[in-house]
């Protein structure tokens, strides 16, 4: 009785294994993947390209800052960005009307100075010293406000005197001193002495030789 039961269980287990194996094989063999054919491609060997996008700033190797000696309104700009220029090219033209007004003002000041000089005995004496080549510039130093000078000039009684002068860029006297008797007595309370004025004339003459734009007054 026991042997028949064991035999029956063994046969039943064998049948289940056979049936399960047959079902699994049929299921796996019959399954087909559901993939869109347009998404399939043949594998090939090739080169992969990767693009990188970045932002940046281009700067020149050298940068030159150009400044004009004259102030004014720009009337015409003759060059553009990245344009090649050569020495002597006119880059910018300023409005000349303001410059003409400055010239007219300077001319009026010149005439007034000449008229004052004719009435001022010190001015006449200074021009005589200057035109006689009896004044020399010993030292001349540009400063932010103009020029500082020291010189030597013919004195009233023979010995040479040492005038010193500080003028602005237009030649107007800011400070002055001299070793002559007139300065020791009056200093600048009655105006500069003829030696300081003669040194100024020599300075203005040198400016004229340097840039050709200043008239000796």
Protein backbone atom coordinates (compact mmCIF):
# COMPACT_ATOMS: atom_id res chain seq x y z
CA UNK A 1 0.00 0.00 0.00
CA UNK A 2 2.76 2.41 0.88
CA UNK A 3 4.73 1.51 -2.24
CA UNK A 4 1.75 2.18 -4.49
CA UNK A 5 1.22 5.63 -2.91
CA UNK A 6 4.88 6.61 -3.35
CA UNK A 7 4.80 5.40 -6.90
CA UNK A 8 1.71 7.45 -7.66
CA UNK A 9 3.29 10.60 -6.18
CA UNK A 10 6.45 10.14 -8.23
CA UNK A 11 4.48 9.72 -11.43
CA UNK A 12 2.39 12.80 -10.65
CA UNK A 13 5.49 14.94 -9.97
CA UNK A 14 7.04 13.79 -13.22
CA UNK A 15 3.92 14.73 -15.16
CA UNK A 16 3.88 18.20 -13.59
CA UNK A 17 7.53 18.79 -14.49
CA UNK A 18 6.92 17.75 -18.10
CA UNK A 19 3.78 19.88 -18.42
CA UNK A 20 5.47 22.94 -16.80
CA UNK A 21 8.53 22.64 -19.03
CA UNK A 22 6.41 22.35 -22.15
CA UNK A 23 4.33 25.40 -21.14
CA UNK A 24 7.43 27.53 -20.43
CA UNK A 25 9.11 26.56 -23.68
CA UNK A 26 5.99 27.37 -25.65
CA UNK A 27 5.59 30.71 -23.92
CA UNK A 28 9.20 31.85 -24.47
CA UNK A 29 9.33 30.69 -28.07
CA UNK A 30 6.08 32.28 -28.99
CA UNK A 31 6.85 35.75 -27.39
CA UNK A 32 7.80 38.40 -29.92
CA UNK A 33 9.10 41.91 -28.93
CA UNK A 34 6.73 44.77 -29.75
CA UNK A 35 9.33 47.35 -31.16
CA UNK A 36 8.72 49.95 -33.88
CA UNK A 37 10.92 49.02 -36.89
CA UNK A 38 11.69 52.71 -37.50
CA UNK A 39 13.58 52.74 -34.20
CA UNK A 40 15.89 49.93 -35.20
CA UNK A 41 19.25 50.47 -36.89
CA UNK A 42 22.28 48.48 -37.86
CA UNK A 43 25.27 48.85 -35.56
CA UNK A 44 28.23 50.50 -37.37
CA UNK A 45 31.65 51.79 -36.26
CA UNK A 46 32.17 55.57 -36.71
CA UNK A 47 33.37 58.86 -35.18
CA UNK A 48 31.34 60.62 -32.51
CA UNK A 49 31.23 64.44 -32.73
CA UNK A 50 30.52 66.56 -29.67
CA UNK A 51 29.82 70.33 -29.92
CA UNK A 52 30.52 72.77 -27.08
CA UNK A 53 28.95 76.25 -27.00
CA UNK A 54 30.52 78.89 -24.73
CA UNK A 55 30.51 82.69 -24.36
CA UNK A 56 33.62 84.85 -24.00
CA UNK A 57 35.23 88.25 -24.61
CA UNK A 58 37.86 88.97 -27.26
CA UNK A 59 40.56 91.41 -26.12
CA UNK A 60 43.47 92.87 -28.12
CA UNK A 61 47.07 92.02 -27.28
CA UNK A 62 47.91 95.70 -26.95
CA UNK A 63 45.61 98.67 -26.40
CA UNK A 64 46.56 102.28 -27.20
CA UNK A 65 44.64 105.21 -25.72
CA UNK A 66 44.52 108.27 -27.99
CA UNK A 67 43.87 111.70 -26.49
CA UNK A 68 43.48 115.05 -28.16
CA UNK A 69 45.27 118.15 -26.92
CA UNK A 70 42.22 120.26 -27.78
CA UNK A 71 38.74 120.00 -26.31
CA UNK A 72 35.65 120.39 -28.43
CA UNK A 73 32.65 118.83 -30.13
CA UNK A 74 33.40 116.08 -32.66
CA UNK A 75 32.19 117.20 -36.08
CA UNK A 76 33.41 114.26 -38.17
CA UNK A 77 34.76 110.80 -37.30
CA UNK A 78 36.88 109.54 -40.18
CA UNK A 79 37.59 105.98 -38.99
CA UNK A 80 35.59 102.99 -37.83
CA UNK A 81 36.22 100.16 -35.41
CA UNK A 82 38.96 97.72 -36.56
CA UNK A 83 40.02 100.05 -39.37
CA UNK A 84 43.75 100.17 -40.10
CA UNK A 85 45.26 103.66 -39.75
CA UNK A 86 48.67 105.04 -40.62
CA UNK A 87 50.79 107.88 -39.22
CA UNK A 88 49.41 111.21 -40.38
CA UNK A 89 45.81 110.02 -40.90
CA UNK A 90 43.15 112.41 -39.59
CA UNK A 91 41.01 110.38 -37.20
CA UNK A 92 38.67 113.03 -35.79
CA UNK A 93 37.72 116.57 -36.81
CA UNK A 94 36.44 118.94 -34.16
CA UNK A 95 33.90 121.69 -34.58
CA UNK A 96 35.97 124.68 -35.66
CA UNK A 97 33.47 127.33 -34.61
CA UNK A 98 34.48 127.09 -30.95
CA UNK A 99 38.13 127.21 -31.94
CA UNK A 100 37.54 130.31 -34.05
CA UNK A 101 35.83 131.95 -31.07
CA UNK A 102 38.86 131.14 -28.92
CA UNK A 103 41.16 132.62 -31.57
CA UNK A 104 39.10 135.80 -31.67
CA UNK A 105 39.22 136.01 -27.87
CA UNK A 106 42.98 135.45 -27.84
CA UNK A 107 43.45 138.11 -30.51
CA UNK A 108 41.44 140.60 -28.48
CA UNK A 109 43.52 139.79 -25.38
CA UNK A 110 46.68 140.22 -27.44
CA UNK A 111 45.66 143.65 -28.63
CA UNK A 112 44.74 144.66 -25.08
CA UNK A 113 48.09 143.42 -23.79
CA UNK A 114 49.99 145.33 -26.47
CA UNK A 115 48.05 148.49 -25.66
CA UNK A 116 48.80 148.06 -21.94
CA UNK A 117 52.46 147.46 -22.71
CA UNK A 118 52.73 150.77 -24.55
CA UNK A 119 51.52 152.54 -21.42
CA UNK A 120 53.58 150.46 -18.97
CA UNK A 121 57.25 151.54 -18.66
CA UNK A 122 58.14 148.15 -17.18
CA UNK A 123 56.70 146.41 -20.22
CA UNK A 124 58.73 148.64 -22.55
CA UNK A 125 61.90 147.95 -20.55
CA UNK A 126 61.19 144.21 -20.61
CA UNK A 127 60.81 144.15 -24.39
CA UNK A 128 64.03 146.12 -24.75
CA UNK A 129 65.87 143.56 -22.59
CA UNK A 130 64.33 140.70 -24.58
CA UNK A 131 65.04 142.19 -28.02
CA UNK A 132 68.62 143.02 -26.94
CA UNK A 133 69.12 139.35 -26.06
CA UNK A 134 69.94 140.32 -22.47
CA UNK A 135 67.77 137.62 -20.86
CA UNK A 136 68.46 133.88 -20.73
CA UNK A 137 66.45 130.90 -19.52
CA UNK A 138 68.59 128.87 -17.14
CA UNK A 139 66.01 126.26 -16.08
CA UNK A 140 62.53 125.52 -17.41
CA UNK A 141 60.30 122.85 -15.94
CA UNK A 142 56.75 121.94 -16.98
CA UNK A 143 54.28 121.48 -14.11
CA UNK A 144 50.58 120.64 -13.97
CA UNK A 145 49.63 124.33 -13.90
CA UNK A 146 52.04 125.48 -16.60
CA UNK A 147 55.79 126.16 -16.35
CA UNK A 148 58.31 127.18 -13.71
CA UNK A 149 61.41 129.05 -14.91
CA UNK A 150 64.56 130.62 -13.59
CA UNK A 151 66.73 132.93 -15.64
CA UNK A 152 69.35 135.61 -15.82
CA UNK A 153 68.81 139.14 -17.09
CA UNK A 154 70.67 142.44 -17.41
CA UNK A 155 70.31 144.52 -14.26
CA UNK A 156 69.53 148.21 -13.88
CA UNK A 157 73.05 149.10 -12.78
CA UNK A 158 75.14 146.55 -14.68
CA UNK A 159 75.25 143.29 -12.62
CA UNK A 160 72.89 140.59 -13.85
CA UNK A 161 69.88 139.65 -11.78
CA UNK A 162 68.09 136.33 -11.32
CA UNK A 163 64.36 136.44 -12.14
CA UNK A 164 62.15 133.44 -11.36
CA UNK A 165 58.73 132.86 -12.85
CA UNK A 166 55.68 130.59 -12.67
CA UNK A 167 53.25 130.95 -15.59
CA UNK A 168 50.17 129.02 -16.68
CA UNK A 169 49.78 127.27 -20.03
CA UNK A 170 48.69 130.51 -21.71
CA UNK A 171 51.59 132.54 -20.35
CA UNK A 172 49.77 134.37 -17.55
CA UNK A 173 52.00 135.05 -14.56
CA UNK A 174 51.07 133.09 -11.41
CA UNK A 175 54.12 133.87 -9.28
CA UNK A 176 57.41 135.68 -9.76
CA UNK A 177 60.48 136.86 -7.94
CA UNK A 178 63.75 138.62 -8.73
CA UNK A 179 66.99 139.72 -7.09
CA UNK A 180 66.68 143.29 -8.42
CA UNK A 181 66.07 146.39 -6.26
CA UNK A 182 62.58 146.94 -7.62
CA UNK A 183 61.38 143.52 -6.49
CA UNK A 184 63.00 143.82 -3.06
CA UNK A 185 61.21 147.13 -2.60
CA UNK A 186 57.79 146.42 -4.09
CA UNK A 187 57.75 142.67 -4.79
CA UNK A 188 54.60 142.17 -6.93
CA UNK A 189 52.44 144.85 -5.30
CA UNK A 190 53.05 147.18 -8.26
CA UNK A 191 53.30 144.46 -10.85
CA UNK A 192 56.31 142.37 -11.91
CA UNK A 193 59.64 143.99 -12.68
CA UNK A 194 61.02 144.22 -16.20
CA UNK A 195 63.33 141.22 -15.61
CA UNK A 196 60.41 138.91 -14.77
CA UNK A 197 58.53 140.24 -17.80
CA UNK A 198 61.59 139.74 -20.01
CA UNK A 199 61.90 136.12 -18.79
CA UNK A 200 58.25 135.60 -19.68
CA UNK A 201 58.88 136.95 -23.20
CA UNK A 202 61.79 134.53 -23.59
CA UNK A 203 59.58 131.65 -22.45
CA UNK A 204 56.77 132.54 -24.85
CA UNK A 205 59.29 132.80 -27.67
CA UNK A 206 60.56 129.31 -26.91
CA UNK A 207 57.00 127.96 -26.88
CA UNK A 208 56.50 129.48 -30.30
CA UNK A 209 59.58 127.72 -31.61
CA UNK A 210 58.43 124.40 -30.11
CA UNK A 211 54.92 124.24 -31.50
CA UNK A 212 54.50 127.30 -33.71
CA UNK A 213 51.17 128.18 -32.14
CA UNK A 214 52.00 130.88 -29.60
CA UNK A 215 52.63 134.50 -30.45
CA UNK A 216 55.06 136.43 -28.28
CA UNK A 217 53.20 139.16 -26.37
